[in-house]
């Protein structure tokens, strides 16, 4: 009898110990370091890299896409809970660490203030993107590809993919007349190419196959729900016709006139005496636009070196909501992220052709961002549509040299 009771007690203790160990394993805090994050989208699993760290005692997060490491400091890592508010955007990650991984949701703000939710899983210690090891000898996808994109309604547009390959690892970007797809990364697996990107602003998934006739054929999906197909061939000399889809003023107009509030609601008119006799760059963008983030870095540096010569910049924001308070908060976060020293104005929303309503001097708007370059007499000398970011390498450098030379030329002119 005593033996049976003793055995029962031992068994109970073992069960209690096992339960305690299991509970500890479930509640053990998440490790810092690199994670492989997979977001479930309509096009399939979209992976990207995430690194969690502590800097000066505070949690920070890095979104990793090839050589890019996009830093966010608005991070809460308390117990098993993780919250990452993406720097300069209105998107965020909310997740819980359980059974050795994070599970949670990626929230992305879409037009009309709609927030889309995507399930995500993040595994610690995994730095590979699509596949841990290549299953077959990869084909060569490196080079410059002239592509034709077609959306689900049959509308076509030209693009250029520039890809670099190291073994089966592939990085690069896609250039468009409106800018570029920023840093994309993935792997080649036999004759198939897998690429993705999530930098805080946009989530893209690319799946393509290199056919025996040399044609690259594939699909591109976004977390916003859009889908395009694309086909193309290698073409080292491929170029885009930037002027074919350029934002422009209506015939007979050579000036911009507007009055919009800043993030505090104070109205800023243009023209205004503070801009008399100065060269002014007026750029149309939005906090949701990744290429606008790249442009902001360039404009801030340009202004810092030339404001004493008479350069001014004005940022017009068209946000994804028609609510002023929400739009002002998005614009404020954008301005704070880049420490923007020039006026950031809430001009409107991205819906229903609002730009053409708010700026009736414009004949057609063809890409965020679009920059109006205005001389000392107040005349629009040119409009630069789109912005190629640092992922485009030499194209980024050439674009910045050309824009800088144009601004310097106008600054040398008399009022």
Protein backbone atom coordinates (compact mmCIF):
# COMPACT_ATOMS: atom_id res chain seq x y z
CA UNK A 1 0.00 0.00 0.00
CA UNK A 2 2.78 2.40 0.97
CA UNK A 3 4.71 1.50 -2.19
CA UNK A 4 1.68 2.25 -4.36
CA UNK A 5 1.16 5.59 -2.65
CA UNK A 6 4.85 6.46 -3.02
CA UNK A 7 4.81 5.55 -6.71
CA UNK A 8 1.72 7.68 -7.23
CA UNK A 9 3.41 10.63 -5.57
CA UNK A 10 6.54 10.19 -7.68
CA UNK A 11 4.43 10.02 -10.85
CA UNK A 12 2.53 13.15 -9.82
CA UNK A 13 5.79 14.97 -9.17
CA UNK A 14 7.15 13.96 -12.55
CA UNK A 15 4.00 15.21 -14.27
CA UNK A 16 4.23 18.48 -12.33
CA UNK A 17 7.91 18.86 -13.30
CA UNK A 18 7.12 18.18 -16.95
CA UNK A 19 4.31 20.72 -16.87
CA UNK A 20 6.61 23.27 -15.26
CA UNK A 21 9.32 22.70 -17.87
CA UNK A 22 6.77 22.98 -20.65
CA UNK A 23 5.41 26.20 -19.17
CA UNK A 24 8.92 27.60 -18.88
CA UNK A 25 9.67 26.72 -22.50
CA UNK A 26 6.48 28.49 -23.55
CA UNK A 27 7.17 31.61 -21.50
CA UNK A 28 10.91 31.90 -22.09
CA UNK A 29 11.59 35.33 -23.54
CA UNK A 30 12.44 35.75 -27.22
CA UNK A 31 16.14 35.86 -28.12
CA UNK A 32 17.72 38.85 -29.79
CA UNK A 33 19.32 38.39 -33.21
CA UNK A 34 18.23 37.50 -36.73
CA UNK A 35 14.81 36.07 -37.60
CA UNK A 36 13.35 34.76 -40.82
CA UNK A 37 9.87 36.27 -41.14
CA UNK A 38 7.25 34.79 -43.47
CA UNK A 39 4.11 36.75 -44.29
CA UNK A 40 1.13 34.91 -45.80
CA UNK A 41 -0.13 36.89 -48.83
CA UNK A 42 -2.53 36.16 -51.66
CA UNK A 43 0.43 35.37 -53.91
CA UNK A 44 2.06 32.99 -51.44
CA UNK A 45 4.58 33.11 -48.61
CA UNK A 46 6.59 36.33 -48.65
CA UNK A 47 9.81 36.16 -46.57
CA UNK A 48 12.10 38.91 -45.30
CA UNK A 49 14.77 39.29 -42.66
CA UNK A 50 14.32 40.85 -39.22
CA UNK A 51 16.94 41.55 -36.60
CA UNK A 52 16.07 42.45 -33.01
CA UNK A 53 18.68 44.19 -30.92
CA UNK A 54 19.13 46.49 -27.94
CA UNK A 55 20.94 49.79 -28.38
CA UNK A 56 21.52 52.04 -25.38
CA UNK A 57 19.20 49.78 -23.43
CA UNK A 58 16.29 50.16 -25.88
CA UNK A 59 14.88 47.62 -28.33
CA UNK A 60 15.40 48.32 -32.03
CA UNK A 61 14.49 46.37 -35.16
CA UNK A 62 16.07 46.09 -38.60
CA UNK A 63 14.18 44.94 -41.69
CA UNK A 64 16.67 43.12 -43.94
CA UNK A 65 16.46 42.92 -47.73
CA UNK A 66 19.78 41.98 -49.28
CA UNK A 67 22.25 44.74 -48.33
CA UNK A 68 19.49 46.97 -46.90
CA UNK A 69 18.90 47.25 -43.16
CA UNK A 70 15.92 49.55 -42.52
CA UNK A 71 16.03 50.63 -38.86
CA UNK A 72 13.02 51.17 -36.59
CA UNK A 73 13.36 52.49 -33.06
CA UNK A 74 9.67 52.55 -32.10
CA UNK A 75 9.90 48.99 -30.83
CA UNK A 76 8.39 47.38 -27.74
CA UNK A 77 9.83 44.03 -26.64
CA UNK A 78 8.32 43.21 -23.28
CA UNK A 79 8.04 39.63 -22.08
CA UNK A 80 6.83 37.60 -25.03
CA UNK A 81 5.20 40.55 -26.81
CA UNK A 82 6.75 42.35 -29.79
CA UNK A 83 5.46 45.55 -31.36
CA UNK A 84 7.31 47.24 -34.23
CA UNK A 85 6.03 50.50 -35.67
CA UNK A 86 7.78 50.91 -39.00
CA UNK A 87 9.84 54.09 -39.17
CA UNK A 88 8.18 56.79 -41.29
CA UNK A 89 5.21 54.59 -42.26
CA UNK A 90 1.83 53.82 -40.71
CA UNK A 91 2.46 50.06 -40.86
CA UNK A 92 3.30 47.85 -37.89
CA UNK A 93 4.04 44.34 -36.65
CA UNK A 94 2.37 42.84 -33.58
CA UNK A 95 3.48 39.37 -32.48
CA UNK A 96 3.80 36.97 -29.54
CA UNK A 97 6.72 34.61 -28.89
CA UNK A 98 5.42 31.10 -28.27
CA UNK A 99 6.99 27.65 -28.66
CA UNK A 100 10.26 29.05 -29.98
CA UNK A 101 8.91 31.48 -32.59
CA UNK A 102 6.95 34.68 -33.06
CA UNK A 103 3.42 34.47 -34.39
CA UNK A 104 1.41 37.56 -35.15
CA UNK A 105 0.15 40.06 -37.69
CA UNK A 106 1.53 42.56 -40.17
CA UNK A 107 -0.77 45.58 -40.48
CA UNK A 108 -0.51 47.63 -43.70
CA UNK A 109 -2.42 50.86 -44.32
CA UNK A 110 -4.11 50.97 -47.72
CA UNK A 111 -5.99 53.78 -49.56
CA UNK A 112 -9.23 55.03 -48.00
CA UNK A 113 -7.80 54.27 -44.58
CA UNK A 114 -8.30 50.52 -44.97
CA UNK A 115 -5.90 48.45 -42.85
CA UNK A 116 -5.07 45.01 -44.26
CA UNK A 117 -3.90 42.26 -41.92
CA UNK A 118 -1.48 39.47 -42.83
CA UNK A 119 -0.46 36.51 -40.67
CA UNK A 120 3.25 36.25 -40.01
CA UNK A 121 5.62 33.78 -38.41
CA UNK A 122 9.23 34.58 -37.42
CA UNK A 123 11.82 31.89 -36.69
CA UNK A 124 14.97 32.87 -34.74
CA UNK A 125 18.44 32.09 -36.02
CA UNK A 126 17.43 31.61 -39.67
CA UNK A 127 19.07 33.96 -42.18
CA UNK A 128 18.06 32.20 -45.40
CA UNK A 129 15.15 33.67 -47.34
CA UNK A 130 13.18 31.12 -49.38
CA UNK A 131 15.20 27.89 -49.07
CA UNK A 132 17.88 26.79 -46.56
CA UNK A 133 19.86 25.00 -49.27
CA UNK A 134 19.66 24.93 -53.07
CA UNK A 135 17.92 21.82 -54.37
CA UNK A 136 19.35 22.08 -57.87
CA UNK A 137 22.17 23.86 -59.68
CA UNK A 138 20.75 27.36 -60.31
CA UNK A 139 20.64 28.98 -63.71
CA UNK A 140 22.24 32.39 -64.18
CA UNK A 141 19.76 35.25 -63.64
CA UNK A 142 22.31 38.06 -63.34
CA UNK A 143 22.26 41.03 -65.68
CA UNK A 144 19.94 43.71 -67.03
CA UNK A 145 16.49 42.54 -68.15
CA UNK A 146 14.08 44.56 -70.31
CA UNK A 147 10.63 43.62 -69.00
CA UNK A 148 7.04 44.26 -70.00
CA UNK A 149 4.55 44.22 -67.13
CA UNK A 150 0.85 43.52 -67.62
CA UNK A 151 -1.75 44.04 -64.91
CA UNK A 152 -4.91 41.97 -64.58
CA UNK A 153 -6.77 44.45 -66.81
CA UNK A 154 -4.24 44.08 -69.62
CA UNK A 155 -2.52 47.44 -69.17
CA UNK A 156 1.18 47.27 -70.08
CA UNK A 157 4.18 49.14 -68.71
CA UNK A 158 7.93 48.90 -69.23
CA UNK A 159 10.45 48.06 -66.51
CA UNK A 160 14.07 47.01 -66.18
CA UNK A 161 15.30 44.42 -63.69
CA UNK A 162 18.92 44.65 -62.61
CA UNK A 163 20.02 41.48 -60.82
CA UNK A 164 23.21 40.26 -59.17
CA UNK A 165 23.81 36.62 -58.39
CA UNK A 166 26.28 34.95 -56.04
CA UNK A 167 25.79 31.19 -56.22
CA UNK A 168 22.09 30.78 -55.67
CA UNK A 169 21.63 34.09 -53.77
CA UNK A 170 20.11 36.86 -55.93
CA UNK A 171 19.71 40.58 -55.13
CA UNK A 172 18.78 43.63 -57.18
CA UNK A 173 15.90 45.92 -58.02
CA UNK A 174 13.34 46.73 -60.70
CA UNK A 175 13.49 50.18 -62.31
CA UNK A 176 10.31 51.90 -63.48
CA UNK A 177 9.45 55.35 -64.83
CA UNK A 178 8.12 56.20 -61.34
CA UNK A 179 11.28 55.09 -59.54
CA UNK A 180 12.37 51.63 -58.45
CA UNK A 181 11.26 48.66 -56.35
CA UNK A 182 14.10 49.33 -53.92
CA UNK A 183 16.11 46.38 -52.52
CA UNK A 184 14.79 42.93 -53.42
CA UNK A 185 16.42 39.64 -52.45
CA UNK A 186 15.96 35.91 -52.80
CA UNK A 187 17.26 32.77 -54.44
CA UNK A 188 17.58 30.97 -57.73
CA UNK A 189 16.46 27.36 -57.66
CA UNK A 190 17.11 25.55 -60.92
CA UNK A 191 15.34 27.55 -63.63
CA UNK A 192 13.11 29.38 -61.14
CA UNK A 193 13.68 32.70 -59.39
CA UNK A 194 12.19 33.63 -56.01
CA UNK A 195 12.48 37.26 -54.83
CA UNK A 196 10.77 39.36 -52.18
CA UNK A 197 10.84 42.65 -50.34
CA UNK A 198 9.39 44.18 -47.22
CA UNK A 199 11.10 47.37 -46.15
CA UNK A 200 8.30 48.73 -44.00
CA UNK A 201 6.42 50.43 -46.80
CA UNK A 202 5.65 47.85 -49.47
CA UNK A 203 5.58 44.07 -49.55
CA UNK A 204 6.42 42.51 -52.94
CA UNK A 205 6.74 38.89 -54.05
CA UNK A 206 8.30 37.91 -57.40
CA UNK A 207 8.17 34.41 -58.87
CA UNK A 208 9.75 33.84 -62.29
CA UNK A 209 11.04 31.10 -64.58
CA UNK A 210 13.81 31.33 -67.16
CA UNK A 211 12.55 29.47 -70.22
CA UNK A 212 14.74 27.57 -72.66
CA UNK A 213 14.25 30.35 -75.27
CA UNK A 214 15.87 32.92 -72.94
CA UNK A 215 12.64 34.61 -71.88
CA UNK A 216 12.14 35.41 -68.21
CA UNK A 217 8.46 34.98 -67.39
CA UNK A 218 6.80 35.47 -64.05
CA UNK A 219 4.37 37.06 -61.63
CA UNK A 220 4.61 39.89 -59.16
CA UNK A 221 2.26 40.12 -56.18
CA UNK A 222 1.90 42.87 -53.60
CA UNK A 223 0.47 42.75 -50.11
CA UNK A 224 -1.95 45.40 -51.31
CA UNK A 225 -3.62 42.75 -53.46
CA UNK A 226 -2.37 43.71 -56.92
CA UNK A 227 -0.98 41.17 -59.38
CA UNK A 228 1.07 41.70 -62.55
CA UNK A 229 2.64 39.28 -64.97
CA UNK A 230 5.93 40.10 -66.70
CA UNK A 231 8.08 38.80 -69.52
CA UNK A 232 11.39 39.94 -70.91
CA UNK A 233 14.91 39.19 -72.09
CA UNK A 234 18.41 40.21 -71.13
CA UNK A 235 19.29 43.55 -72.70
CA UNK A 236 22.45 45.34 -71.45
CA UNK A 237 21.40 48.49 -73.31
CA UNK A 238 17.79 48.62 -72.10
CA UNK A 239 16.49 52.09 -71.21
CA UNK A 240 13.20 53.50 -69.98
CA UNK A 241 11.38 56.32 -71.75
CA UNK A 242 11.05 58.58 -68.72
CA UNK A 243 9.28 61.36 -70.66
CA UNK A 244 6.55 59.00 -71.87
CA UNK A 245 4.85 59.05 -68.44
CA UNK A 246 5.95 62.37 -66.99
CA UNK A 247 3.91 64.62 -64.74
CA UNK A 248 3.36 67.97 -66.50
CA UNK A 249 1.54 71.29 -66.33
CA UNK A 250 -1.39 72.11 -68.59
CA UNK A 251 -0.58 74.01 -71.80
CA UNK A 252 -0.43 77.73 -71.09
CA UNK A 253 0.48 77.25 -67.41
CA UNK A 254 3.99 77.79 -66.09
CA UNK A 255 3.36 78.27 -62.37
CA UNK A 256 1.91 76.47 -59.36
CA UNK A 257 -0.59 78.18 -57.05
CA UNK A 258 -1.91 76.61 -53.84
CA UNK A 259 -2.53 77.00 -50.13
CA UNK A 260 -2.39 73.95 -47.85
CA UNK A 261 -2.15 73.43 -44.07
CA UNK A 262 0.90 72.09 -42.28
CA UNK A 263 0.67 69.34 -39.66
CA UNK A 264 -0.50 71.92 -37.08
CA UNK A 265 -3.24 73.25 -39.37
CA UNK A 266 -1.50 76.53 -40.24
CA UNK A 267 -2.04 77.53 -43.88
CA UNK A 268 0.97 77.92 -46.18
CA UNK A 269 0.27 79.72 -49.45
CA UNK A 270 2.41 79.58 -52.56
CA UNK A 271 3.50 81.93 -54.06
CA UNK A 272 4.45 83.80 -50.89
CA UNK A 273 6.90 86.58 -50.12
CA UNK A 274 9.17 84.20 -48.23
CA UNK A 275 9.90 82.49 -51.57
CA UNK A 276 10.34 85.65 -53.66
CA UNK A 277 13.51 85.52 -55.73
CA UNK A 278 14.36 81.98 -54.61
CA UNK A 279 14.68 78.62 -56.32
CA UNK A 280 11.94 76.36 -54.95
CA UNK A 281 11.56 72.59 -55.18
CA UNK A 282 7.95 71.49 -54.65
CA UNK A 283 7.61 67.73 -54.36
CA UNK A 284 4.39 65.72 -54.29
CA UNK A 285 4.56 62.56 -52.21
CA UNK A 286 3.16 60.66 -49.26
CA UNK A 287 4.44 58.93 -46.14
CA UNK A 288 3.31 55.57 -47.60
CA UNK A 289 5.59 55.99 -50.66
CA UNK A 290 9.02 54.29 -50.28
CA UNK A 291 10.56 56.28 -53.14
CA UNK A 292 9.48 59.46 -51.35
CA UNK A 293 11.54 58.32 -48.36
CA UNK A 294 14.60 58.03 -50.60
CA UNK A 295 13.90 61.46 -52.12
CA UNK A 296 13.58 63.05 -48.67
CA UNK A 297 17.15 62.01 -47.80
CA UNK A 298 18.43 63.64 -51.00
CA UNK A 299 16.39 66.85 -50.58
CA UNK A 300 17.44 67.35 -46.98
CA UNK A 301 21.13 67.17 -47.91
CA UNK A 302 20.64 69.34 -50.99
CA UNK A 303 18.90 72.05 -48.96
CA UNK A 304 21.47 71.99 -46.17
CA UNK A 305 24.25 72.83 -48.64
CA UNK A 306 22.34 75.43 -50.68
CA UNK A 307 19.75 77.20 -48.55
CA UNK A 308 22.13 80.10 -47.96
CA UNK A 309 22.25 80.56 -51.77
CA UNK A 310 18.47 80.84 -52.02
CA UNK A 311 17.12 77.28 -52.22
CA UNK A 312 13.81 76.30 -50.58
CA UNK A 313 11.84 73.03 -50.50
CA UNK A 314 8.13 72.37 -49.92
CA UNK A 315 6.69 68.88 -49.40
CA UNK A 316 3.05 68.29 -50.42
CA UNK A 317 1.65 65.13 -48.83
CA UNK A 318 -1.20 63.11 -50.33
CA UNK A 319 -2.02 60.45 -47.77
CA UNK A 320 -4.11 57.28 -47.72
CA UNK A 321 -6.91 58.75 -45.63
CA UNK A 322 -9.15 61.78 -46.03
CA UNK A 323 -9.13 62.43 -42.29
CA UNK A 324 -6.89 65.42 -41.56
CA UNK A 325 -5.78 64.24 -38.11
CA UNK A 326 -4.73 60.83 -39.46
CA UNK A 327 -2.96 62.36 -42.44
CA UNK A 328 -1.21 64.91 -40.25
CA UNK A 329 0.01 62.13 -37.92
CA UNK A 330 1.40 60.18 -40.90
CA UNK A 331 3.11 63.29 -42.27
CA UNK A 332 4.48 64.15 -38.84
CA UNK A 333 6.00 60.68 -38.44
CA UNK A 334 7.54 60.99 -41.92
CA UNK A 335 8.99 64.43 -41.16
CA UNK A 336 10.37 63.30 -37.79
CA UNK A 337 11.98 60.16 -39.25
CA UNK A 338 14.09 62.24 -41.65
CA UNK A 339 14.36 65.38 -39.46
CA UNK A 340 12.91 67.36 -42.37
CA UNK A 341 13.60 71.10 -41.92
CA UNK A 342 11.26 72.36 -44.66
CA UNK A 343 7.43 72.74 -44.68
CA UNK A 344 5.48 69.49 -44.88
CA UNK A 345 1.92 70.29 -45.96
CA UNK A 346 -1.22 68.12 -45.92
CA UNK A 347 -2.47 68.56 -49.48
CA UNK A 348 -5.02 65.77 -49.89
CA UNK A 349 -5.51 62.05 -50.37
CA UNK A 350 -4.47 59.48 -52.97
CA UNK A 351 -8.09 58.76 -53.90
CA UNK A 352 -10.20 59.78 -56.89
CA UNK A 353 -7.78 62.07 -58.68
CA UNK A 354 -7.47 64.40 -55.69
CA UNK A 355 -4.12 65.74 -56.91
CA UNK A 356 -5.64 67.14 -60.10
CA UNK A 357 -8.46 68.69 -58.08
CA UNK A 358 -6.14 70.33 -55.55
CA UNK A 359 -3.57 71.38 -58.17
CA UNK A 360 -5.67 72.25 -61.26
CA UNK A 361 -2.60 73.57 -63.10
CA UNK A 362 -1.41 69.96 -63.57
CA UNK A 363 -2.42 68.20 -66.80
CA UNK A 364 -1.66 64.69 -65.59
CA UNK A 365 0.02 63.06 -62.61
CA UNK A 366 2.08 59.96 -63.34
CA UNK A 367 4.08 59.00 -60.29
CA UNK A 368 5.00 59.53 -56.64
CA UNK A 369 7.10 61.47 -56.06
CA UNK A 370 6.93 64.25 -58.66
CA UNK A 371 9.15 67.29 -58.14
CA UNK A 372 8.44 70.72 -59.64
CA UNK A 373 11.64 72.73 -60.08
CA UNK A 374 10.84 76.46 -59.92
CA UNK A 375 13.28 79.25 -60.81
CA UNK A 376 13.82 82.59 -59.09
CA UNK A 377 11.03 84.18 -61.18
CA UNK A 378 8.50 81.61 -59.99
CA UNK A 379 8.39 79.72 -63.29
CA UNK A 380 8.30 75.91 -63.37
CA UNK A 381 11.38 74.99 -65.39
CA UNK A 382 10.97 71.21 -65.28
CA UNK A 383 9.14 68.40 -63.52
CA UNK A 384 11.07 65.34 -62.32
CA UNK A 385 8.76 62.32 -62.17
CA UNK A 386 9.67 59.49 -59.82
CA UNK A 387 12.86 58.97 -57.85
CA UNK A 388 15.41 56.19 -58.21
CA UNK A 389 16.78 55.24 -54.80
CA UNK A 390 20.16 53.87 -53.67
CA UNK A 391 19.19 50.32 -54.67
CA UNK A 392 19.70 51.39 -58.30
CA UNK A 393 23.39 52.17 -57.73
CA UNK A 394 24.82 54.22 -60.58
CA UNK A 395 21.35 55.34 -61.70
CA UNK A 396 20.79 56.87 -58.27
CA UNK A 397 24.12 58.66 -58.41
CA UNK A 398 23.58 59.92 -61.96
CA UNK A 399 20.07 61.17 -61.15
CA UNK A 400 21.33 63.05 -58.08
CA UNK A 401 24.18 64.62 -60.05
CA UNK A 402 21.76 65.82 -62.75
CA UNK A 403 19.27 67.25 -60.26
CA UNK A 404 22.03 68.95 -58.29
CA UNK A 405 23.52 70.46 -61.46
CA UNK A 406 20.09 71.78 -62.49
CA UNK A 407 19.50 73.39 -59.09
CA UNK A 408 22.98 74.96 -59.14
CA UNK A 409 22.31 76.37 -62.62
CA UNK A 410 19.08 78.00 -61.45
CA UNK A 411 20.72 79.34 -58.30
CA UNK A 412 23.33 81.06 -60.50
CA UNK A 413 20.58 82.87 -62.42
CA UNK A 414 19.38 86.31 -61.38
CA UNK A 415 15.89 86.89 -60.01
